[in-house]
Amino acid sequence: MTASLDPQSLPSAIPAGFARAAAAMHPTVRSLLVEGADPATVPVDDLLAALGREGSPTAAEYGSVMAVPQSLSARACAALRAAVDSQRRLEADSVDGQAEHQLNLSRAALEALVGSAEAAKLWR
């Protein structure tokens, strides 16, 4: 990982605003988001510290994360994408200073959006 980044060293196709944001990132964060580091090579405690979240629970403390390809139907995915596209938060996030493109949903809101049966698949 590099300690600092010269924005001029990034390809010219990258917008100047992103190049400046990348240069300002903590090296650990930048290695993941800009330089393509394999996430498996970055210790979670280092990443949490880089994000100012020392002492945060890690995935191991939360339990395992499940990945199930195609767990939602095409209709449910389309409804979820449409909701994210129309209702997402665009405030700058704390990682790269760019828009979050995030939509926080409660379980009830997710059920209202995609249906109870579809939402239940995510809570297995």
Foldseek 3Di string as FASTA:
>chain_A
DDQFDDLVPDDPVDDSVLSVLLRPAGVLLSCVPPVPDDVVVRDPQVVCVSLVNHPDDDCVNVDDDDDDPPLAPPVLVVLVVVCLVVPPFQQQDSGRRGGPSDDDDDLVRSCVRRNPVSSVSNVD
